[in-house]
N, C-alpha and C. Protein backbone atom coordinates (compact mmCIF):
# COMPACT_ATOMS: atom_id res chain seq x y z
N MET A 1 13.57 22.00 -36.84
CA MET A 1 12.55 21.05 -36.48
C MET A 1 11.24 21.47 -37.14
N TYR A 2 10.54 20.48 -37.67
CA TYR A 2 9.25 20.72 -38.32
C TYR A 2 8.21 19.81 -37.68
N VAL A 3 7.02 20.38 -37.46
CA VAL A 3 5.92 19.64 -36.87
C VAL A 3 4.73 19.74 -37.81
N GLY A 4 4.15 18.61 -38.13
CA GLY A 4 2.96 18.58 -38.96
C GLY A 4 1.83 17.90 -38.21
N THR A 5 0.63 18.43 -38.36
CA THR A 5 -0.54 17.81 -37.74
C THR A 5 -1.66 17.68 -38.76
N LEU A 6 -2.47 16.66 -38.58
CA LEU A 6 -3.68 16.46 -39.37
C LEU A 6 -4.83 16.19 -38.42
N SER A 7 -5.99 16.65 -38.80
CA SER A 7 -7.21 16.36 -38.06
C SER A 7 -8.24 15.90 -39.09
N PHE A 8 -8.70 14.66 -38.94
CA PHE A 8 -9.68 14.07 -39.86
C PHE A 8 -11.06 14.07 -39.22
N ASP A 9 -12.02 14.69 -39.85
CA ASP A 9 -13.41 14.64 -39.40
C ASP A 9 -14.09 13.53 -40.22
N LEU A 10 -14.55 12.49 -39.52
CA LEU A 10 -15.06 11.31 -40.20
C LEU A 10 -16.52 11.06 -39.90
N LEU A 11 -17.24 10.60 -40.91
CA LEU A 11 -18.59 10.09 -40.75
C LEU A 11 -18.47 8.58 -40.91
N LEU A 12 -18.89 7.85 -39.90
CA LEU A 12 -18.77 6.40 -39.92
C LEU A 12 -19.97 5.79 -40.60
N GLY A 13 -19.75 4.68 -41.26
CA GLY A 13 -20.82 4.01 -42.01
C GLY A 13 -21.90 3.43 -41.12
N ASP A 14 -22.16 2.16 -41.27
CA ASP A 14 -23.25 1.48 -40.58
C ASP A 14 -22.82 1.13 -39.15
N VAL A 15 -22.78 2.15 -38.29
CA VAL A 15 -22.37 1.98 -36.90
C VAL A 15 -23.55 2.35 -36.01
N ARG A 16 -23.90 1.45 -35.10
CA ARG A 16 -25.08 1.67 -34.26
C ARG A 16 -24.76 1.83 -32.78
N SER A 17 -23.50 1.72 -32.41
CA SER A 17 -23.15 1.84 -30.99
C SER A 17 -21.73 2.36 -30.85
N LEU A 18 -21.40 2.79 -29.64
CA LEU A 18 -20.03 3.25 -29.38
C LEU A 18 -19.04 2.08 -29.46
N LYS A 19 -19.49 0.88 -29.14
CA LYS A 19 -18.63 -0.29 -29.24
C LYS A 19 -18.27 -0.56 -30.71
N GLU A 20 -19.25 -0.48 -31.59
CA GLU A 20 -18.99 -0.64 -33.03
C GLU A 20 -18.08 0.48 -33.53
N LYS A 21 -18.29 1.69 -33.02
CA LYS A 21 -17.45 2.82 -33.42
C LYS A 21 -16.00 2.53 -33.09
N ARG A 22 -15.73 2.04 -31.88
CA ARG A 22 -14.35 1.70 -31.49
C ARG A 22 -13.75 0.67 -32.42
N SER A 23 -14.57 -0.28 -32.89
CA SER A 23 -14.06 -1.33 -33.78
C SER A 23 -13.70 -0.79 -35.17
N VAL A 24 -14.18 0.39 -35.49
CA VAL A 24 -13.83 1.04 -36.76
C VAL A 24 -12.65 2.00 -36.56
N VAL A 25 -12.69 2.79 -35.50
CA VAL A 25 -11.70 3.85 -35.29
C VAL A 25 -10.35 3.29 -34.85
N ARG A 26 -10.35 2.35 -33.93
CA ARG A 26 -9.08 1.83 -33.40
C ARG A 26 -8.17 1.24 -34.47
N PRO A 27 -8.68 0.45 -35.42
CA PRO A 27 -7.77 -0.06 -36.46
C PRO A 27 -7.17 1.04 -37.34
N ILE A 28 -7.91 2.10 -37.58
CA ILE A 28 -7.38 3.21 -38.38
C ILE A 28 -6.24 3.88 -37.63
N VAL A 29 -6.47 4.17 -36.34
CA VAL A 29 -5.44 4.81 -35.51
C VAL A 29 -4.20 3.90 -35.43
N ALA A 30 -4.41 2.62 -35.21
CA ALA A 30 -3.29 1.68 -35.10
C ALA A 30 -2.50 1.58 -36.40
N GLU A 31 -3.17 1.57 -37.53
CA GLU A 31 -2.48 1.49 -38.81
C GLU A 31 -1.66 2.75 -39.09
N LEU A 32 -2.21 3.91 -38.76
CA LEU A 32 -1.45 5.16 -38.92
C LEU A 32 -0.18 5.13 -38.06
N GLN A 33 -0.31 4.69 -36.83
CA GLN A 33 0.83 4.63 -35.93
C GLN A 33 1.88 3.62 -36.43
N ARG A 34 1.41 2.45 -36.83
CA ARG A 34 2.31 1.38 -37.25
C ARG A 34 3.02 1.69 -38.57
N LYS A 35 2.28 2.15 -39.56
CA LYS A 35 2.86 2.38 -40.89
C LYS A 35 3.73 3.62 -40.97
N TYR A 36 3.35 4.67 -40.25
CA TYR A 36 4.00 5.96 -40.45
C TYR A 36 4.67 6.54 -39.21
N ALA A 37 4.67 5.82 -38.11
CA ALA A 37 5.32 6.25 -36.87
C ALA A 37 4.88 7.66 -36.44
N VAL A 38 3.58 7.89 -36.50
CA VAL A 38 3.01 9.16 -36.06
C VAL A 38 2.31 8.94 -34.73
N SER A 39 2.08 10.02 -34.01
CA SER A 39 1.23 9.97 -32.83
C SER A 39 -0.19 10.21 -33.30
N ALA A 40 -1.11 9.31 -32.97
CA ALA A 40 -2.48 9.43 -33.45
C ALA A 40 -3.45 8.98 -32.36
N ALA A 41 -4.63 9.62 -32.36
CA ALA A 41 -5.67 9.28 -31.38
C ALA A 41 -7.01 9.84 -31.83
N GLU A 42 -8.09 9.25 -31.32
CA GLU A 42 -9.40 9.85 -31.49
C GLU A 42 -9.46 11.04 -30.54
N VAL A 43 -9.81 12.22 -31.04
CA VAL A 43 -9.70 13.43 -30.24
C VAL A 43 -11.00 14.20 -30.05
N ASP A 44 -12.07 13.82 -30.72
CA ASP A 44 -13.33 14.55 -30.57
C ASP A 44 -14.50 13.67 -30.95
N HIS A 45 -15.70 14.11 -30.60
CA HIS A 45 -16.96 13.39 -30.84
C HIS A 45 -16.95 12.01 -30.19
N MET A 46 -16.38 11.92 -29.01
CA MET A 46 -16.27 10.63 -28.32
C MET A 46 -17.64 10.03 -27.98
N ASP A 47 -18.64 10.88 -27.77
CA ASP A 47 -19.95 10.39 -27.35
C ASP A 47 -20.93 10.19 -28.50
N LEU A 48 -20.50 10.47 -29.73
CA LEU A 48 -21.36 10.27 -30.91
C LEU A 48 -20.92 8.99 -31.62
N HIS A 49 -21.86 8.13 -31.94
CA HIS A 49 -21.47 6.85 -32.50
C HIS A 49 -21.23 6.86 -34.01
N ARG A 50 -21.66 7.88 -34.73
CA ARG A 50 -21.42 7.91 -36.18
C ARG A 50 -20.41 8.96 -36.61
N ARG A 51 -19.82 9.67 -35.68
CA ARG A 51 -18.82 10.70 -35.99
C ARG A 51 -17.56 10.45 -35.19
N ALA A 52 -16.44 10.82 -35.78
CA ALA A 52 -15.16 10.70 -35.07
C ALA A 52 -14.21 11.75 -35.64
N VAL A 53 -13.32 12.21 -34.80
CA VAL A 53 -12.22 13.06 -35.24
C VAL A 53 -10.94 12.37 -34.79
N ILE A 54 -10.08 12.11 -35.76
CA ILE A 54 -8.78 11.51 -35.48
C ILE A 54 -7.73 12.59 -35.70
N GLY A 55 -6.88 12.77 -34.71
CA GLY A 55 -5.79 13.73 -34.82
C GLY A 55 -4.46 13.00 -34.85
N LEU A 56 -3.51 13.56 -35.59
CA LEU A 56 -2.18 12.97 -35.60
C LEU A 56 -1.14 14.06 -35.69
N ALA A 57 0.07 13.72 -35.22
CA ALA A 57 1.18 14.67 -35.23
C ALA A 57 2.46 13.92 -35.60
N LEU A 58 3.37 14.68 -36.22
CA LEU A 58 4.64 14.13 -36.69
C LEU A 58 5.70 15.20 -36.52
N VAL A 59 6.87 14.80 -36.04
CA VAL A 59 8.00 15.70 -35.88
C VAL A 59 9.15 15.16 -36.70
N SER A 60 9.84 16.05 -37.44
CA SER A 60 10.98 15.64 -38.24
C SER A 60 11.92 16.82 -38.45
N GLY A 61 13.13 16.53 -38.81
CA GLY A 61 14.10 17.57 -39.14
C GLY A 61 14.02 18.00 -40.58
N ASP A 62 13.18 17.34 -41.37
CA ASP A 62 13.08 17.60 -42.81
C ASP A 62 11.64 17.96 -43.18
N ALA A 63 11.43 19.14 -43.71
CA ALA A 63 10.09 19.61 -44.07
C ALA A 63 9.45 18.73 -45.14
N ALA A 64 10.24 18.29 -46.12
CA ALA A 64 9.70 17.46 -47.19
C ALA A 64 9.21 16.12 -46.65
N HIS A 65 9.93 15.58 -45.67
CA HIS A 65 9.51 14.32 -45.05
C HIS A 65 8.17 14.47 -44.34
N VAL A 66 8.01 15.55 -43.60
CA VAL A 66 6.75 15.81 -42.91
C VAL A 66 5.61 15.90 -43.91
N SER A 67 5.80 16.65 -44.96
CA SER A 67 4.77 16.82 -45.98
C SER A 67 4.41 15.49 -46.64
N ASP A 68 5.42 14.68 -46.96
CA ASP A 68 5.20 13.38 -47.59
C ASP A 68 4.40 12.45 -46.67
N ILE A 69 4.77 12.37 -45.41
CA ILE A 69 4.07 11.49 -44.47
C ILE A 69 2.64 11.96 -44.25
N LEU A 70 2.41 13.26 -44.14
CA LEU A 70 1.05 13.77 -43.97
C LEU A 70 0.19 13.43 -45.19
N ASP A 71 0.76 13.55 -46.39
CA ASP A 71 0.04 13.17 -47.62
C ASP A 71 -0.33 11.69 -47.59
N ARG A 72 0.60 10.84 -47.18
CA ARG A 72 0.35 9.40 -47.14
C ARG A 72 -0.74 9.06 -46.11
N CYS A 73 -0.70 9.71 -44.97
CA CYS A 73 -1.71 9.48 -43.94
C CYS A 73 -3.09 9.89 -44.44
N GLU A 74 -3.15 11.02 -45.11
CA GLU A 74 -4.43 11.48 -45.64
C GLU A 74 -4.98 10.50 -46.68
N ARG A 75 -4.14 10.00 -47.56
CA ARG A 75 -4.58 9.02 -48.56
C ARG A 75 -5.06 7.73 -47.89
N LEU A 76 -4.37 7.30 -46.85
CA LEU A 76 -4.76 6.07 -46.15
C LEU A 76 -6.16 6.20 -45.57
N VAL A 77 -6.43 7.30 -44.88
CA VAL A 77 -7.74 7.48 -44.26
C VAL A 77 -8.82 7.67 -45.32
N ALA A 78 -8.53 8.42 -46.36
CA ALA A 78 -9.51 8.66 -47.42
C ALA A 78 -9.88 7.37 -48.15
N ALA A 79 -8.97 6.41 -48.19
CA ALA A 79 -9.21 5.16 -48.92
C ALA A 79 -10.00 4.13 -48.11
N ARG A 80 -10.23 4.39 -46.83
CA ARG A 80 -10.96 3.43 -46.00
C ARG A 80 -12.43 3.43 -46.39
N PRO A 81 -12.96 2.27 -46.82
CA PRO A 81 -14.36 2.24 -47.29
C PRO A 81 -15.39 2.38 -46.18
N GLU A 82 -15.02 2.10 -44.93
CA GLU A 82 -15.99 2.13 -43.84
C GLU A 82 -16.22 3.53 -43.27
N VAL A 83 -15.47 4.52 -43.76
CA VAL A 83 -15.64 5.89 -43.28
C VAL A 83 -15.74 6.85 -44.47
N GLU A 84 -16.43 7.96 -44.23
CA GLU A 84 -16.48 9.05 -45.20
C GLU A 84 -15.69 10.21 -44.61
N LEU A 85 -14.69 10.66 -45.34
CA LEU A 85 -13.84 11.75 -44.88
C LEU A 85 -14.56 13.07 -45.17
N LEU A 86 -15.04 13.73 -44.11
CA LEU A 86 -15.79 14.98 -44.28
C LEU A 86 -14.86 16.17 -44.47
N SER A 87 -13.78 16.20 -43.70
CA SER A 87 -12.82 17.30 -43.85
C SER A 87 -11.48 16.89 -43.25
N VAL A 88 -10.45 17.59 -43.72
CA VAL A 88 -9.10 17.39 -43.21
C VAL A 88 -8.53 18.76 -42.89
N ARG A 89 -7.97 18.89 -41.71
CA ARG A 89 -7.30 20.14 -41.34
C ARG A 89 -5.83 19.84 -41.16
N ARG A 90 -5.01 20.55 -41.92
CA ARG A 90 -3.56 20.33 -41.90
C ARG A 90 -2.88 21.57 -41.35
N ARG A 91 -1.94 21.33 -40.45
CA ARG A 91 -1.12 22.42 -39.93
C ARG A 91 0.34 22.01 -40.04
N PHE A 92 1.15 23.01 -40.37
CA PHE A 92 2.59 22.77 -40.53
C PHE A 92 3.31 23.88 -39.79
N HIS A 93 4.19 23.49 -38.89
CA HIS A 93 4.95 24.45 -38.10
C HIS A 93 6.42 24.24 -38.39
N GLY A 94 7.08 25.30 -38.85
CA GLY A 94 8.50 25.23 -39.15
C GLY A 94 9.32 26.01 -38.16
N GLU A 95 10.57 26.13 -38.46
CA GLU A 95 11.50 26.83 -37.55
C GLU A 95 11.19 28.33 -37.47
N ASP A 96 10.51 28.88 -38.45
CA ASP A 96 10.20 30.31 -38.46
C ASP A 96 8.98 30.67 -37.62
N ASP A 97 8.22 29.68 -37.19
CA ASP A 97 6.99 29.93 -36.43
C ASP A 97 7.28 30.31 -35.00
């Protein structure tokens, strides 16, 4: 069993309220879940309207599959014009961990 996680630290564009923030973050989380069958959620900076951290996790029996899906998720978030990707933290846990 292999587990991969990503944590995206995002700077949101022209967002002036927490309500506007939700309208930016929720579609990103929903698209990650729908396209790649990962568990995803906003996990930090809940009270800041221009910052967000989205975390996701994936479990698979194939290490290459986990790596491929994490790469695709990272590209999807990086390509979103309404956010600036400040950093990505990737963790990979295999059977030897």
